[in-house]
C-alpha cells in the first residue's frame, strides 16, 4: 500500500503544475490548524468513509497507520460511522480498513 496508484502518479507526471498546486493546497490546509498528522488522517478517514470514497478511505487508513494510529483506532473510526451513515455503508468502510490493516501487517 505504500506504492501510489498508477493513475495518481501518471496524473502528476502529465500535469506537474496542477500536481504541485494540489500538494501545496493540501500542505496549507494541514498547517492551518492544530491537529497533528495522525489525527488529521483519522479525520480524513472518517470523512472518506462517510462519502463512500474507497480509494481515499484506503489511503487515509494507510496514512493514519503510518502516522502512529493503531489498528484499533483505525477500526474504531470505521465503526463510528454506523449510526450516521448506516450499517451497510459502515461495513463497506470497515472492509476497506481491514484490507489496509492486513496489508500493513504483512
Foldseek 3Di string as FASTA:
>chain_A
DPDDDPVVVVCCVVPVVVVVVVVVVVVVVVVPDDDDQLVVLLVQLLVCLLVVPLVSNLVSLLSNVVVPDDLVSSLVSLVVCCVPRHDVSSVVSNVSNVVSVVVVVD
